[in-house]
Amino acid sequence: MPLTFAESDPDRLTKEAELRAVSSDDLLALYKRTRAAASQARKAHDMEALYPLARGMKTIQRIADERGLIIRAHHLAENPSPSGRG
């Protein structure tokens, strides 16, 4: 199941805490599922579905960055600085 966040998602803190507890491999797998769903929504011009998925992708990327990982379009790379700023 892809990760989605409503604009003012009341469960955001709980979801983020759960994401922080998963392995990096599971986080990447969730990103790939979410990205695939977002791509399908974009192709279908379904903006109501796309925006919550985009928020989910950005959240996964931010949590990965906290771990020193960068998630790009199709791969995971080590980030030399956990802050992502070099």
C-alpha atoms as a PDB file:
ATOM      1  CA  MET A   1       0.000   0.000   0.000  1.00  0.00           C
ATOM      2  CA  PRO A   2       1.442   3.413  -0.915  1.00  0.00           C
ATOM      3  CA  LEU A   3       1.918   6.131   1.681  1.00  0.00           C
ATOM      4  CA  THR A   4      -0.439   9.103   1.515  1.00  0.00           C
ATOM      5  CA  PHE A   5      -0.939  12.173   3.638  1.00  0.00           C
ATOM      6  CA  ALA A   6      -3.949  14.455   3.531  1.00  0.00           C
ATOM      7  CA  GLU A   7      -3.097  18.160   3.617  1.00  0.00           C
ATOM      8  CA  SER A   8      -3.799  18.368   7.351  1.00  0.00           C
ATOM      9  CA  ASP A   9      -3.486  14.683   8.201  1.00  0.00           C
ATOM     10  CA  PRO A  10      -4.350  14.155  11.882  1.00  0.00           C
ATOM     11  CA  ASP A  11      -2.369  10.881  11.844  1.00  0.00           C
ATOM     12  CA  ARG A  12       0.838  12.390  10.435  1.00  0.00           C
ATOM     13  CA  LEU A  13       2.857  12.176  13.668  1.00  0.00           C
ATOM     14  CA  THR A  14       1.860   8.556  14.214  1.00  0.00           C
ATOM     15  CA  LYS A  15       2.633   7.618  10.614  1.00  0.00           C
ATOM     16  CA  GLU A  16       6.016   9.360  10.758  1.00  0.00           C
ATOM     17  CA  ALA A  17       6.915   7.570  14.002  1.00  0.00           C
ATOM     18  CA  GLU A  18       6.052   4.242  12.362  1.00  0.00           C
ATOM     19  CA  LEU A  19       8.178   5.131   9.329  1.00  0.00           C
ATOM     20  CA  ARG A  20      11.165   5.906  11.539  1.00  0.00           C
ATOM     21  CA  ALA A  21      10.932   2.382  12.973  1.00  0.00           C
ATOM     22  CA  VAL A  22      11.137   0.532   9.623  1.00  0.00           C
ATOM     23  CA  SER A  23      14.334  -0.637   7.987  1.00  0.00           C
ATOM     24  CA  SER A  24      15.924   1.352   5.194  1.00  0.00           C
ATOM     25  CA  ASP A  25      15.078  -1.442   2.757  1.00  0.00           C
ATOM     26  CA  ASP A  26      11.407  -1.334   3.759  1.00  0.00           C
ATOM     27  CA  LEU A  27      11.426   2.463   3.537  1.00  0.00           C
ATOM     28  CA  LEU A  28      12.809   2.272  -0.006  1.00  0.00           C
ATOM     29  CA  ALA A  29      10.206  -0.357  -0.951  1.00  0.00           C
ATOM     30  CA  LEU A  30       7.443   1.890   0.394  1.00  0.00           C
ATOM     31  CA  TYR A  31       8.854   4.809  -1.595  1.00  0.00           C
ATOM     32  CA  LYS A  32       8.841   2.719  -4.779  1.00  0.00           C
ATOM     33  CA  ARG A  33       5.198   1.674  -4.223  1.00  0.00           C
ATOM     34  CA  THR A  34       4.196   5.254  -3.470  1.00  0.00           C
ATOM     35  CA  ARG A  35       6.079   6.587  -6.492  1.00  0.00           C
ATOM     36  CA  ALA A  36       4.449   4.006  -8.776  1.00  0.00           C
ATOM     37  CA  ALA A  37       0.991   4.976  -7.499  1.00  0.00           C
ATOM     38  CA  ALA A  38       1.810   8.670  -7.958  1.00  0.00           C
ATOM     39  CA  SER A  39       2.976   8.014 -11.511  1.00  0.00           C
ATOM     40  CA  GLN A  40      -0.296   6.239 -12.300  1.00  0.00           C
ATOM     41  CA  ALA A  41      -2.306   9.085 -10.768  1.00  0.00           C
ATOM     42  CA  ARG A  42      -0.352  11.632 -12.798  1.00  0.00           C
ATOM     43  CA  LYS A  43      -0.908   9.715 -16.028  1.00  0.00           C
ATOM     44  CA  ALA A  44      -4.627   9.541 -15.227  1.00  0.00           C
ATOM     45  CA  HIS A  45      -4.657  13.299 -14.438  1.00  0.00           C
ATOM     46  CA  ASP A  46      -6.026  12.419 -10.992  1.00  0.00           C
ATOM     47  CA  MET A  47      -4.738  15.363  -8.952  1.00  0.00           C
ATOM     48  CA  GLU A  48      -6.848  14.454  -5.910  1.00  0.00           C
ATOM     49  CA  ALA A  49      -4.925  11.180  -5.672  1.00  0.00           C
ATOM     50  CA  LEU A  50      -1.569  12.638  -6.746  1.00  0.00           C
ATOM     51  CA  TYR A  51      -1.133  15.318  -4.083  1.00  0.00           C
ATOM     52  CA  PRO A  52      -1.469  12.991  -1.042  1.00  0.00           C
ATOM     53  CA  LEU A  53       0.949  10.567  -2.706  1.00  0.00           C
ATOM     54  CA  ALA A  54       3.445  13.379  -3.381  1.00  0.00           C
ATOM     55  CA  ARG A  55       3.268  14.328   0.305  1.00  0.00           C
ATOM     56  CA  GLY A  56       3.969  10.701   1.180  1.00  0.00           C
ATOM     57  CA  MET A  57       6.994  10.598  -1.122  1.00  0.00           C
ATOM     58  CA  LYS A  58       8.419  13.807   0.313  1.00  0.00           C
ATOM     59  CA  THR A  59       7.937  12.507   3.859  1.00  0.00           C
ATOM     60  CA  ILE A  60       9.743   9.266   3.039  1.00  0.00           C
ATOM     61  CA  GLN A  61      12.591  11.243   1.458  1.00  0.00           C
ATOM     62  CA  ARG A  62      12.870  13.457   4.551  1.00  0.00           C
ATOM     63  CA  ILE A  63      12.972  10.479   6.916  1.00  0.00           C
ATOM     64  CA  ALA A  64      15.558   8.756   4.704  1.00  0.00           C
ATOM     65  CA  ASP A  65      17.639  11.950   4.819  1.00  0.00           C
ATOM     66  CA  GLU A  66      17.543  11.811   8.623  1.00  0.00           C
ATOM     67  CA  ARG A  67      19.315   8.457   8.259  1.00  0.00           C
ATOM     68  CA  GLY A  68      21.900   9.834   5.868  1.00  0.00           C
ATOM     69  CA  LEU A  69      20.217   8.300   2.815  1.00  0.00           C
ATOM     70  CA  ILE A  70      19.050  10.034  -0.336  1.00  0.00           C
ATOM     71  CA  ILE A  71      16.178   8.536  -2.285  1.00  0.00           C
ATOM     72  CA  ARG A  72      16.242   9.560  -5.911  1.00  0.00           C
ATOM     73  CA  ALA A  73      13.866   8.608  -8.696  1.00  0.00           C
ATOM     74  CA  HIS A  74      15.081   5.023  -9.102  1.00  0.00           C
ATOM     75  CA  HIS A  75      17.795   4.324  -6.565  1.00  0.00           C
ATOM     76  CA  LEU A  76      19.054   4.848  -3.046  1.00  0.00           C
ATOM     77  CA  ALA A  77      22.409   6.531  -2.469  1.00  0.00           C
ATOM     78  CA  GLU A  78      24.456   7.147   0.651  1.00  0.00           C
ATOM     79  CA  ASN A  79      24.414  10.782   1.685  1.00  0.00           C
ATOM     80  CA  PRO A  80      27.808  11.933   2.998  1.00  0.00           C
ATOM     81  CA  SER A  81      26.099  14.202   5.535  1.00  0.00           C
ATOM     82  CA  PRO A  82      22.958  13.249   7.486  1.00  0.00           C
ATOM     83  CA  SER A  83      21.671  16.801   7.061  1.00  0.00           C
ATOM     84  CA  GLY A  84      22.011  16.500   3.284  1.00  0.00           C
ATOM     85  CA  ARG A  85      24.015  19.717   3.135  1.00  0.00           C
ATOM     86  CA  GLY A  86      27.441  18.311   2.361  1.00  0.00           C
END
